[in-house]
Amino acid sequence: MLDSELEVRSGERFAFGDNWNAFLKVVDDERISVARRSLQEALGRPDLRGLSFLDIGCGSGLFSLAAYQLGATVHSFDFDRNSVAATAALRSRYAPDSPWLIETGSILDRDFVAGLGRYDIVYSWGVLHHTGDMWSAVAASGDLVRPGGQLFISIYNDQGRASRVWLRVKRRYNRSGRVGRALLVSLSALYLYWRLPVRMLVNLVRPGRLPGASGARGRGMSRRHDLVDWVGGYPFQVARPEEIFRFVHDRGFELRHLWTCGGNLGCNEYVFQRGPLPRPGSAAPPQVRGAGAGRPYGEEADS
């Protein structure tokens, strides 16, 4: 696991909400449709009718909206007030009369979390590794899943030395002015888009893909805004898949879905189910997809 400061100095935490408010300008029906499909595929459900959905670190609110449109009762919260404002703006645009609840809060605030209750689906994609205390955040998220419910999280992959380099880039970005930040984003874009494996480059320009969608895992996001989020996203922690498996399994969960980035840069995506589970032999095996399917989880990418 990459060591990360739990105490984040003033001015070093990335302004996630500013980036998500900018992303709202490109949100449209097609992106929302892709986001809905990504939830359906990972959760293995055609819809979420009759289910409660908690979005931890809701960001732009895109996946809260997707869950609401799939029939869930949605509760969203974020530590960043500008992210909360972005989510509220998306709700006003697409679901103005909905009971969708949005508020400011932190998964590391024990008093706040104690008042949330439990949910059928607890969702936190690309968030918990930015809290400054990832393992406590994962544990607190799992505690919010009711028996038989699902925990849907994604965590940055541990690339070893490369992850330590990116940690320094992120710190430098948040300590820099406007020109310095723009330069770091530009240099990172050159590095990422010229050094990624050819297979991933082909995925980025494959005919028929959603313009601007990120990576091979279609989620309706924007490459440009994802890039800024990647370069600036601090605090920053990472974990190997087997670390996540052990940690969550020890808390009463079983893996139901896995999408990996194949040991490269990016997030590994997990859906865990909390008992009671189906009888042994009666359940389908976990879905394993993505660049890492069939590859040893401990295999480290070139850095």
C-alpha atoms as a PDB file:
ATOM      1  CA  MET A   1       0.000   0.000   0.000  1.00  0.00           C
ATOM      2  CA  LEU A   2       1.253   3.456  -0.861  1.00  0.00           C
ATOM      3  CA  ASP A   3       1.914   5.552   2.219  1.00  0.00           C
ATOM      4  CA  SER A   4      -0.149   8.754   2.262  1.00  0.00           C
ATOM      5  CA  GLU A   5      -0.339  11.600   4.764  1.00  0.00           C
ATOM      6  CA  LEU A   6      -3.489  11.400   6.882  1.00  0.00           C
ATOM      7  CA  GLU A   7      -3.175  15.067   7.732  1.00  0.00           C
ATOM      8  CA  VAL A   8      -3.532  17.055   4.519  1.00  0.00           C
ATOM      9  CA  ARG A   9      -2.034  20.511   4.604  1.00  0.00           C
ATOM     10  CA  SER A  10      -4.206  23.486   3.803  1.00  0.00           C
ATOM     11  CA  GLY A  11      -4.273  24.061   0.047  1.00  0.00           C
ATOM     12  CA  GLU A  12      -3.012  20.557  -0.839  1.00  0.00           C
ATOM     13  CA  ARG A  13      -6.372  18.813  -1.145  1.00  0.00           C
ATOM     14  CA  PHE A  14      -7.534  18.735  -4.762  1.00  0.00           C
ATOM     15  CA  ALA A  15     -10.632  20.800  -5.624  1.00  0.00           C
ATOM     16  CA  PHE A  16     -12.689  17.856  -6.849  1.00  0.00           C
ATOM     17  CA  GLY A  17     -15.908  19.879  -6.855  1.00  0.00           C
ATOM     18  CA  ASP A  18     -14.557  22.491  -9.266  1.00  0.00           C
ATOM     19  CA  ASN A  19     -13.670  19.750 -11.743  1.00  0.00           C
ATOM     20  CA  TRP A  20     -17.098  18.094 -11.407  1.00  0.00           C
ATOM     21  CA  ASN A  21     -18.931  21.378 -11.929  1.00  0.00           C
ATOM     22  CA  ALA A  22     -16.969  21.798 -15.165  1.00  0.00           C
ATOM     23  CA  PHE A  23     -17.883  18.225 -16.163  1.00  0.00           C
ATOM     24  CA  LEU A  24     -21.609  19.062 -15.914  1.00  0.00           C
ATOM     25  CA  LYS A  25     -21.266  21.105 -19.093  1.00  0.00           C
ATOM     26  CA  VAL A  26     -20.755  17.906 -21.118  1.00  0.00           C
ATOM     27  CA  VAL A  27     -23.295  15.678 -19.337  1.00  0.00           C
ATOM     28  CA  ASP A  28     -26.065  14.637 -21.718  1.00  0.00           C
ATOM     29  CA  ASP A  29     -28.574  11.810 -22.194  1.00  0.00           C
ATOM     30  CA  GLU A  30     -25.999   9.573 -23.878  1.00  0.00           C
ATOM     31  CA  ARG A  31     -23.527   9.821 -21.012  1.00  0.00           C
ATOM     32  CA  ILE A  32     -26.316   9.146 -18.522  1.00  0.00           C
ATOM     33  CA  SER A  33     -27.361   6.078 -20.526  1.00  0.00           C
ATOM     34  CA  VAL A  34     -23.786   4.734 -20.447  1.00  0.00           C
ATOM     35  CA  ALA A  35     -23.645   5.325 -16.680  1.00  0.00           C
ATOM     36  CA  ARG A  36     -26.902   3.380 -16.215  1.00  0.00           C
ATOM     37  CA  ARG A  37     -25.547   0.452 -18.241  1.00  0.00           C
ATOM     38  CA  SER A  38     -22.329   0.382 -16.200  1.00  0.00           C
ATOM     39  CA  LEU A  39     -24.377   0.014 -12.997  1.00  0.00           C
ATOM     40  CA  GLN A  40     -26.576  -2.700 -14.505  1.00  0.00           C
ATOM     41  CA  GLU A  41     -23.575  -4.707 -15.721  1.00  0.00           C
ATOM     42  CA  ALA A  42     -21.526  -4.490 -12.530  1.00  0.00           C
ATOM     43  CA  LEU A  43     -24.437  -5.102 -10.159  1.00  0.00           C
ATOM     44  CA  GLY A  44     -25.956  -7.826 -12.330  1.00  0.00           C
ATOM     45  CA  ARG A  45     -29.414  -6.233 -12.163  1.00  0.00           C
ATOM     46  CA  PRO A  46     -31.682  -4.932 -14.938  1.00  0.00           C
ATOM     47  CA  ASP A  47     -33.014  -2.229 -12.605  1.00  0.00           C
ATOM     48  CA  LEU A  48     -32.838  -1.042  -9.001  1.00  0.00           C
ATOM     49  CA  ARG A  49     -36.544  -0.793  -8.239  1.00  0.00           C
ATOM     50  CA  GLY A  50     -37.352  -1.141  -4.561  1.00  0.00           C
ATOM     51  CA  LEU A  51     -33.684  -0.768  -3.523  1.00  0.00           C
ATOM     52  CA  SER A  52     -31.922   1.931  -1.516  1.00  0.00           C
ATOM     53  CA  PHE A  53     -28.701   3.350  -3.000  1.00  0.00           C
ATOM     54  CA  LEU A  54     -26.066   5.325  -1.083  1.00  0.00           C
ATOM     55  CA  ASP A  55     -23.538   7.283  -3.172  1.00  0.00           C
ATOM     56  CA  ILE A  56     -20.456   8.057  -1.066  1.00  0.00           C
ATOM     57  CA  GLY A  57     -18.485  10.912  -2.610  1.00  0.00           C
ATOM     58  CA  CYS A  58     -21.109  11.644  -5.249  1.00  0.00           C
ATOM     59  CA  GLY A  59     -18.940  14.087  -7.254  1.00  0.00           C
ATOM     60  CA  SER A  60     -20.957  15.250 -10.250  1.00  0.00           C
ATOM     61  CA  GLY A  61     -23.970  13.159  -9.233  1.00  0.00           C
ATOM     62  CA  LEU A  62     -23.957  11.245 -12.540  1.00  0.00           C
ATOM     63  CA  PHE A  63     -24.206   7.802 -10.934  1.00  0.00           C
ATOM     64  CA  SER A  64     -26.702   8.920  -8.328  1.00  0.00           C
ATOM     65  CA  LEU A  65     -28.850  10.081 -11.233  1.00  0.00           C
ATOM     66  CA  ALA A  66     -28.309   6.792 -13.070  1.00  0.00           C
ATOM     67  CA  ALA A  67     -29.369   4.842  -9.971  1.00  0.00           C
ATOM     68  CA  TYR A  68     -32.444   7.041  -9.546  1.00  0.00           C
ATOM     69  CA  GLN A  69     -33.451   6.494 -13.160  1.00  0.00           C
ATOM     70  CA  LEU A  70     -33.066   2.735 -12.606  1.00  0.00           C
ATOM     71  CA  GLY A  71     -35.650   2.973  -9.818  1.00  0.00           C
ATOM     72  CA  ALA A  72     -33.570   3.254  -6.626  1.00  0.00           C
ATOM     73  CA  THR A  73     -34.232   5.481  -3.629  1.00  0.00           C
ATOM     74  CA  VAL A  74     -31.045   7.573  -3.664  1.00  0.00           C
ATOM     75  CA  HIS A  75     -29.049   9.265  -0.912  1.00  0.00           C
ATOM     76  CA  SER A  76     -25.892  11.130  -1.994  1.00  0.00           C
ATOM     77  CA  PHE A  77     -23.224  12.884   0.017  1.00  0.00           C
ATOM     78  CA  ASP A  78     -19.777  14.365  -0.519  1.00  0.00           C
ATOM     79  CA  PHE A  79     -17.071  15.993   1.604  1.00  0.00           C
ATOM     80  CA  ASP A  80     -16.605  18.742  -1.020  1.00  0.00           C
ATOM     81  CA  ARG A  81     -19.378  21.351  -0.925  1.00  0.00           C
ATOM     82  CA  ASN A  82     -18.846  22.181  -4.601  1.00  0.00           C
ATOM     83  CA  SER A  83     -19.421  18.527  -5.471  1.00  0.00           C
ATOM     84  CA  VAL A  84     -22.648  18.659  -3.459  1.00  0.00           C
ATOM     85  CA  ALA A  85     -23.622  21.756  -5.463  1.00  0.00           C
ATOM     86  CA  ALA A  86     -22.813  19.949  -8.733  1.00  0.00           C
ATOM     87  CA  THR A  87     -24.979  16.981  -7.753  1.00  0.00           C
ATOM     88  CA  ALA A  88     -27.824  19.291  -6.728  1.00  0.00           C
ATOM     89  CA  ALA A  89     -27.575  21.071 -10.090  1.00  0.00           C
ATOM     90  CA  LEU A  90     -27.801  17.746 -11.926  1.00  0.00           C
ATOM     91  CA  ARG A  91     -30.836  16.781  -9.852  1.00  0.00           C
ATOM     92  CA  SER A  92     -32.495  20.105 -10.693  1.00  0.00           C
ATOM     93  CA  ARG A  93     -31.883  19.461 -14.387  1.00  0.00           C
ATOM     94  CA  TYR A  94     -33.032  15.844 -14.639  1.00  0.00           C
ATOM     95  CA  ALA A  95     -35.077  14.994 -11.513  1.00  0.00           C
ATOM     96  CA  PRO A  96     -36.358  18.256 -10.002  1.00  0.00           C
ATOM     97  CA  ASP A  97     -39.309  16.741  -8.116  1.00  0.00           C
ATOM     98  CA  SER A  98     -37.543  13.604  -6.898  1.00  0.00           C
ATOM     99  CA  PRO A  99     -37.055  12.556  -3.235  1.00  0.00           C
ATOM    100  CA  TRP A 100     -33.331  12.090  -4.015  1.00  0.00           C
ATOM    101  CA  LEU A 101     -31.476  13.307  -0.894  1.00  0.00           C
ATOM    102  CA  ILE A 102     -28.164  15.189  -1.247  1.00  0.00           C
ATOM    103  CA  GLU A 103     -26.029  16.463   1.620  1.00  0.00           C
ATOM    104  CA  THR A 104     -22.526  17.395   2.728  1.00  0.00           C
ATOM    105  CA  GLY A 105     -20.711  14.797   4.814  1.00  0.00           C
ATOM    106  CA  SER A 106     -17.587  12.674   5.204  1.00  0.00           C
ATOM    107  CA  ILE A 107     -17.323   8.889   5.349  1.00  0.00           C
ATOM    108  CA  LEU A 108     -14.632   9.463   8.018  1.00  0.00           C
ATOM    109  CA  ASP A 109     -17.022  11.439  10.252  1.00  0.00           C
ATOM    110  CA  ARG A 110     -18.244   8.798  12.702  1.00  0.00           C
ATOM    111  CA  ASP A 111     -21.168  10.852  13.985  1.00  0.00           C
ATOM    112  CA  PHE A 112     -22.381  11.567  10.456  1.00  0.00           C
ATOM    113  CA  VAL A 113     -22.011   7.941   9.350  1.00  0.00           C
ATOM    114  CA  ALA A 114     -23.808   6.666  12.466  1.00  0.00           C
ATOM    115  CA  GLY A 115     -26.934   8.526  11.367  1.00  0.00           C
ATOM    116  CA  LEU A 116     -27.066   7.139   7.830  1.00  0.00           C
ATOM    117  CA  GLY A 117     -28.618   3.713   8.443  1.00  0.00           C
ATOM    118  CA  ARG A 118     -28.026   0.789   6.073  1.00  0.00           C
ATOM    119  CA  TYR A 119     -28.569   0.421   2.342  1.00  0.00           C
ATOM    120  CA  ASP A 120     -29.129  -2.255  -0.282  1.00  0.00           C
ATOM    121  CA  ILE A 121     -26.339  -0.805  -2.432  1.00  0.00           C
ATOM    122  CA  VAL A 122     -23.435   1.284  -1.144  1.00  0.00           C
ATOM    123  CA  TYR A 123     -21.565   2.829  -4.053  1.00  0.00           C
ATOM    124  CA  SER A 124     -18.250   4.691  -4.001  1.00  0.00           C
ATOM    125  CA  TRP A 125     -16.339   4.721  -7.280  1.00  0.00           C
ATOM    126  CA  GLY A 126     -12.859   6.258  -7.194  1.00  0.00           C
ATOM    127  CA  VAL A 127     -13.452   8.084  -3.909  1.00  0.00           C
ATOM    128  CA  LEU A 128     -12.226   6.201  -0.848  1.00  0.00           C
ATOM    129  CA  HIS A 129      -8.560   6.391  -1.910  1.00  0.00           C
ATOM    130  CA  HIS A 130      -8.859  10.208  -1.830  1.00  0.00           C
ATOM    131  CA  THR A 131     -10.039  10.492   1.790  1.00  0.00           C
ATOM    132  CA  GLY A 132      -6.575  10.382   3.370  1.00  0.00           C
ATOM    133  CA  ASP A 133      -7.520   7.243   5.363  1.00  0.00           C
ATOM    134  CA  MET A 134      -8.575   4.711   2.738  1.00  0.00           C
ATOM    135  CA  TRP A 135      -8.829   1.589   4.904  1.00  0.00           C
ATOM    136  CA  SER A 136     -10.988   3.304   7.516  1.00  0.00           C
ATOM    137  CA  ALA A 137     -13.162   4.636   4.686  1.00  0.00           C
ATOM    138  CA  VAL A 138     -13.573   1.162   3.140  1.00  0.00           C
ATOM    139  CA  ALA A 139     -14.477  -0.314   6.537  1.00  0.00           C
ATOM    140  CA  ALA A 140     -17.020   2.439   7.246  1.00  0.00           C
ATOM    141  CA  SER A 141     -18.569   1.985   3.795  1.00  0.00           C
ATOM    142  CA  GLY A 142     -18.978  -1.751   4.358  1.00  0.00           C
ATOM    143  CA  ASP A 143     -20.708  -1.125   7.677  1.00  0.00           C
ATOM    144  CA  LEU A 144     -23.432   0.764   5.792  1.00  0.00           C
ATOM    145  CA  VAL A 145     -24.440  -2.285   3.704  1.00  0.00           C
ATOM    146  CA  ARG A 146     -27.439  -4.203   5.017  1.00  0.00           C
ATOM    147  CA  PRO A 147     -27.371  -8.049   5.060  1.00  0.00           C
ATOM    148  CA  GLY A 148     -27.704  -9.362   1.511  1.00  0.00           C
ATOM    149  CA  GLY A 149     -26.750  -5.960   0.118  1.00  0.00           C
ATOM    150  CA  GLN A 150     -23.884  -4.982  -2.163  1.00  0.00           C
ATOM    151  CA  LEU A 151     -20.770  -2.853  -1.727  1.00  0.00           C
ATOM    152  CA  PHE A 152     -19.644  -1.364  -5.063  1.00  0.00           C
ATOM    153  CA  ILE A 153     -16.241   0.335  -4.829  1.00  0.00           C
ATOM    154  CA  SER A 154     -13.220   1.080  -6.979  1.00  0.00           C
ATOM    155  CA  ILE A 155      -9.706   1.687  -5.698  1.00  0.00           C
ATOM    156  CA  TYR A 156      -6.568   2.845  -7.487  1.00  0.00           C
ATOM    157  CA  ASN A 157      -4.270  -0.013  -8.435  1.00  0.00           C
ATOM    158  CA  ASP A 158      -0.900  -0.186  -6.674  1.00  0.00           C
ATOM    159  CA  GLN A 159       1.787   0.105  -9.363  1.00  0.00           C
ATOM    160  CA  GLY A 160       4.680   0.126  -6.918  1.00  0.00           C
ATOM    161  CA  ARG A 161       7.326   2.704  -7.855  1.00  0.00           C
ATOM    162  CA  ALA A 162       5.104   4.323 -10.486  1.00  0.00           C
ATOM    163  CA  SER A 163       2.455   5.057  -7.853  1.00  0.00           C
ATOM    164  CA  ARG A 164       5.046   6.787  -5.688  1.00  0.00           C
ATOM    165  CA  VAL A 165       6.027   8.961  -8.654  1.00  0.00           C
ATOM    166  CA  TRP A 166       2.385   9.915  -9.241  1.00  0.00           C
ATOM    167  CA  LEU A 167       2.013  10.799  -5.561  1.00  0.00           C
ATOM    168  CA  ARG A 168       4.798  13.381  -5.998  1.00  0.00           C
ATOM    169  CA  VAL A 169       3.146  14.723  -9.165  1.00  0.00           C
ATOM    170  CA  LYS A 170      -0.158  15.162  -7.335  1.00  0.00           C
ATOM    171  CA  ARG A 171       1.430  16.969  -4.427  1.00  0.00           C
ATOM    172  CA  ARG A 172       3.278  19.256  -6.829  1.00  0.00           C
ATOM    173  CA  TYR A 173       0.058  19.983  -8.746  1.00  0.00           C
ATOM    174  CA  ASN A 174      -1.795  21.092  -5.624  1.00  0.00           C
ATOM    175  CA  ARG A 175       1.097  23.291  -4.488  1.00  0.00           C
ATOM    176  CA  SER A 176       1.401  24.989  -7.901  1.00  0.00           C
ATOM    177  CA  GLY A 177      -0.303  27.988  -9.429  1.00  0.00           C
ATOM    178  CA  ARG A 178      -2.471  28.017 -12.525  1.00  0.00           C
ATOM    179  CA  VAL A 179       0.415  27.876 -15.005  1.00  0.00           C
ATOM    180  CA  GLY A 180       2.202  25.097 -13.133  1.00  0.00           C
ATOM    181  CA  ARG A 181      -0.970  23.021 -12.965  1.00  0.00           C
ATOM    182  CA  ALA A 182      -1.653  23.444 -16.663  1.00  0.00           C
ATOM    183  CA  LEU A 183       1.917  22.371 -17.435  1.00  0.00           C
ATOM    184  CA  LEU A 184       1.651  19.248 -15.253  1.00  0.00           C
ATOM    185  CA  VAL A 185      -1.646  18.254 -16.892  1.00  0.00           C
ATOM    186  CA  SER A 186      -0.159  18.741 -20.371  1.00  0.00           C
ATOM    187  CA  LEU A 187       2.997  16.761 -19.587  1.00  0.00           C
ATOM    188  CA  SER A 188       0.955  13.995 -17.961  1.00  0.00           C
ATOM    189  CA  ALA A 189      -1.316  13.809 -21.003  1.00  0.00           C
ATOM    190  CA  LEU A 190       1.697  13.438 -23.282  1.00  0.00           C
ATOM    191  CA  TYR A 191       3.121  10.697 -21.081  1.00  0.00           C
ATOM    192  CA  LEU A 192      -0.156   8.798 -20.665  1.00  0.00           C
ATOM    193  CA  TYR A 193      -1.362   8.925 -24.253  1.00  0.00           C
ATOM    194  CA  TRP A 194       2.025   8.112 -25.775  1.00  0.00           C
ATOM    195  CA  ARG A 195       3.131   5.481 -23.264  1.00  0.00           C
ATOM    196  CA  LEU A 196      -0.062   3.481 -22.709  1.00  0.00           C
ATOM    197  CA  PRO A 197      -0.160   0.020 -24.301  1.00  0.00           C
ATOM    198  CA  VAL A 198      -1.280  -0.012 -27.926  1.00  0.00           C
ATOM    199  CA  ARG A 199      -4.316  -2.035 -26.928  1.00  0.00           C
ATOM    200  CA  MET A 200      -5.552   0.764 -24.673  1.00  0.00           C
ATOM    201  CA  LEU A 201      -4.866   3.409 -27.306  1.00  0.00           C
ATOM    202  CA  VAL A 202      -7.003   1.441 -29.763  1.00  0.00           C
ATOM    203  CA  ASN A 203      -9.800   1.344 -27.184  1.00  0.00           C
ATOM    204  CA  LEU A 204      -9.708   5.132 -26.859  1.00  0.00           C
ATOM    205  CA  VAL A 205     -10.395   5.666 -30.573  1.00  0.00           C
ATOM    206  CA  ARG A 206     -12.513   2.586 -31.357  1.00  0.00           C
ATOM    207  CA  PRO A 207     -15.294   3.547 -33.829  1.00  0.00           C
ATOM    208  CA  GLY A 208     -18.715   3.800 -32.282  1.00  0.00           C
ATOM    209  CA  ARG A 209     -17.501   4.581 -28.752  1.00  0.00           C
ATOM    210  CA  LEU A 210     -18.968   7.487 -26.840  1.00  0.00           C
ATOM    211  CA  PRO A 211     -16.854  10.584 -27.644  1.00  0.00           C
ATOM    212  CA  GLY A 212     -14.794  11.506 -24.633  1.00  0.00           C
ATOM    213  CA  ALA A 213     -15.659   8.379 -22.644  1.00  0.00           C
ATOM    214  CA  SER A 214     -12.752   7.209 -20.519  1.00  0.00           C
ATOM    215  CA  GLY A 215     -10.846   3.972 -20.927  1.00  0.00           C
ATOM    216  CA  ALA A 216     -12.063   0.560 -21.960  1.00  0.00           C
ATOM    217  CA  ARG A 217     -14.668   0.482 -19.158  1.00  0.00           C
ATOM    218  CA  GLY A 218     -17.485   2.650 -20.492  1.00  0.00           C
ATOM    219  CA  ARG A 219     -18.931   4.778 -17.675  1.00  0.00           C
ATOM    220  CA  GLY A 220     -20.053   7.925 -19.468  1.00  0.00           C
ATOM    221  CA  MET A 221     -17.198  10.012 -18.136  1.00  0.00           C
ATOM    222  CA  SER A 222     -14.956  12.559 -19.883  1.00  0.00           C
ATOM    223  CA  ARG A 223     -11.289  11.862 -20.653  1.00  0.00           C
ATOM    224  CA  ARG A 224     -10.405  15.525 -20.211  1.00  0.00           C
ATOM    225  CA  HIS A 225     -11.999  15.846 -16.760  1.00  0.00           C
ATOM    226  CA  ASP A 226     -10.753  12.399 -15.727  1.00  0.00           C
ATOM    227  CA  LEU A 227      -7.212  13.492 -16.649  1.00  0.00           C
ATOM    228  CA  VAL A 228      -7.391  16.582 -14.421  1.00  0.00           C
ATOM    229  CA  ASP A 229      -8.837  14.444 -11.635  1.00  0.00           C
ATOM    230  CA  TRP A 230      -6.010  11.919 -12.047  1.00  0.00           C
ATOM    231  CA  VAL A 231      -3.171  14.469 -12.085  1.00  0.00           C
ATOM    232  CA  GLY A 232      -4.532  16.545  -9.206  1.00  0.00           C
ATOM    233  CA  GLY A 233      -6.398  13.960  -7.121  1.00  0.00           C
ATOM    234  CA  TYR A 234      -4.882  14.209  -3.649  1.00  0.00           C
ATOM    235  CA  PRO A 235      -4.932  12.684  -0.990  1.00  0.00           C
ATOM    236  CA  PHE A 236      -3.932   9.539  -2.883  1.00  0.00           C
ATOM    237  CA  GLN A 237      -3.664   5.919  -1.765  1.00  0.00           C
ATOM    238  CA  VAL A 238      -3.552   2.658  -3.692  1.00  0.00           C
ATOM    239  CA  ALA A 239      -4.006  -1.072  -3.094  1.00  0.00           C
ATOM    240  CA  ARG A 240      -3.504  -4.371  -4.872  1.00  0.00           C
ATOM    241  CA  PRO A 241      -6.646  -6.449  -5.531  1.00  0.00           C
ATOM    242  CA  GLU A 242      -5.630  -9.143  -3.054  1.00  0.00           C
ATOM    243  CA  GLU A 243      -5.352  -6.531  -0.293  1.00  0.00           C
ATOM    244  CA  ILE A 244      -8.894  -5.365  -0.974  1.00  0.00           C
ATOM    245  CA  PHE A 245     -10.159  -8.973  -1.164  1.00  0.00           C
ATOM    246  CA  ARG A 246      -8.727  -9.879   2.231  1.00  0.00           C
ATOM    247  CA  PHE A 247      -9.807  -6.699   3.955  1.00  0.00           C
ATOM    248  CA  VAL A 248     -13.426  -6.781   2.747  1.00  0.00           C
ATOM    249  CA  HIS A 249     -13.809 -10.570   2.964  1.00  0.00           C
ATOM    250  CA  ASP A 250     -12.762 -10.449   6.637  1.00  0.00           C
ATOM    251  CA  ARG A 251     -15.746  -8.157   7.214  1.00  0.00           C
ATOM    252  CA  GLY A 252     -18.311 -10.679   5.979  1.00  0.00           C
ATOM    253  CA  PHE A 253     -18.404 -10.016   2.238  1.00  0.00           C
ATOM    254  CA  GLU A 254     -17.946 -12.206  -0.832  1.00  0.00           C
ATOM    255  CA  LEU A 255     -16.776 -10.973  -4.238  1.00  0.00           C
ATOM    256  CA  ARG A 256     -19.505 -10.944  -6.912  1.00  0.00           C
ATOM    257  CA  HIS A 257     -17.888  -8.810  -9.652  1.00  0.00           C
ATOM    258  CA  LEU A 258     -14.356  -7.701 -10.520  1.00  0.00           C
ATOM    259  CA  TRP A 259     -13.087  -5.437 -13.302  1.00  0.00           C
ATOM    260  CA  THR A 260      -9.327  -4.887 -13.262  1.00  0.00           C
ATOM    261  CA  CYS A 261      -6.961  -2.543 -15.037  1.00  0.00           C
ATOM    262  CA  GLY A 262      -4.523  -5.418 -15.525  1.00  0.00           C
ATOM    263  CA  GLY A 263      -1.858  -4.184 -13.131  1.00  0.00           C
ATOM    264  CA  ASN A 264      -1.626  -0.844 -14.943  1.00  0.00           C
ATOM    265  CA  LEU A 265      -2.575   2.708 -14.053  1.00  0.00           C
ATOM    266  CA  GLY A 266      -6.231   3.082 -13.081  1.00  0.00           C
ATOM    267  CA  CYS A 267      -8.893   1.696 -10.781  1.00  0.00           C
ATOM    268  CA  ASN A 268      -9.825  -1.877  -9.997  1.00  0.00           C
ATOM    269  CA  GLU A 269     -13.602  -2.183  -9.612  1.00  0.00           C
ATOM    270  CA  TYR A 270     -15.257  -4.507  -7.096  1.00  0.00           C
ATOM    271  CA  VAL A 271     -18.787  -5.522  -6.152  1.00  0.00           C
ATOM    272  CA  PHE A 272     -19.024  -7.462  -2.888  1.00  0.00           C
ATOM    273  CA  GLN A 273     -22.134  -9.025  -1.364  1.00  0.00           C
ATOM    274  CA  ARG A 274     -22.783  -9.120   2.357  1.00  0.00           C
ATOM    275  CA  GLY A 275     -24.265 -12.327   3.803  1.00  0.00           C
ATOM    276  CA  PRO A 276     -26.588 -14.147   3.902  1.00  0.00           C
ATOM    277  CA  LEU A 277     -25.194 -15.632   0.691  1.00  0.00           C
ATOM    278  CA  PRO A 278     -26.590 -18.366  -1.600  1.00  0.00           C
ATOM    279  CA  ARG A 279     -25.900 -21.991  -0.602  1.00  0.00           C
ATOM    280  CA  PRO A 280     -22.486 -23.345  -1.717  1.00  0.00           C
ATOM    281  CA  GLY A 281     -22.618 -24.458  -5.326  1.00  0.00           C
ATOM    282  CA  SER A 282     -25.820 -22.554  -6.074  1.00  0.00           C
ATOM    283  CA  ALA A 283     -24.289 -19.181  -6.919  1.00  0.00           C
ATOM    284  CA  ALA A 284     -22.714 -18.173 -10.202  1.00  0.00           C
ATOM    285  CA  PRO A 285     -18.947 -17.492  -9.958  1.00  0.00           C
ATOM    286  CA  PRO A 286     -17.841 -13.850  -9.665  1.00  0.00           C
ATOM    287  CA  GLN A 287     -17.668 -11.915 -12.926  1.00  0.00           C
ATOM    288  CA  VAL A 288     -14.044 -11.078 -13.781  1.00  0.00           C
ATOM    289  CA  ARG A 289     -13.636  -8.585 -16.604  1.00  0.00           C
ATOM    290  CA  GLY A 290     -11.253  -6.013 -17.965  1.00  0.00           C
ATOM    291  CA  ALA A 291      -7.634  -5.762 -18.931  1.00  0.00           C
ATOM    292  CA  GLY A 292      -6.590  -7.968 -16.033  1.00  0.00           C
ATOM    293  CA  ALA A 293      -8.945 -10.912 -16.602  1.00  0.00           C
ATOM    294  CA  GLY A 294      -6.909 -14.102 -16.350  1.00  0.00           C
ATOM    295  CA  ARG A 295      -3.747 -12.248 -15.268  1.00  0.00           C
ATOM    296  CA  PRO A 296      -2.084 -12.824 -11.857  1.00  0.00           C
ATOM    297  CA  TYR A 297      -3.266 -10.054  -9.537  1.00  0.00           C
ATOM    298  CA  GLY A 298       0.180  -9.575  -8.050  1.00  0.00           C
ATOM    299  CA  GLU A 299       1.822  -8.984 -11.428  1.00  0.00           C
ATOM    300  CA  GLU A 300       3.246  -5.488 -11.427  1.00  0.00           C
ATOM    301  CA  ALA A 301       3.046  -3.217 -14.446  1.00  0.00           C
ATOM    302  CA  ASP A 302       6.171  -1.768 -15.967  1.00  0.00           C
ATOM    303  CA  SER A 303       6.919   1.526 -14.287  1.00  0.00           C
END
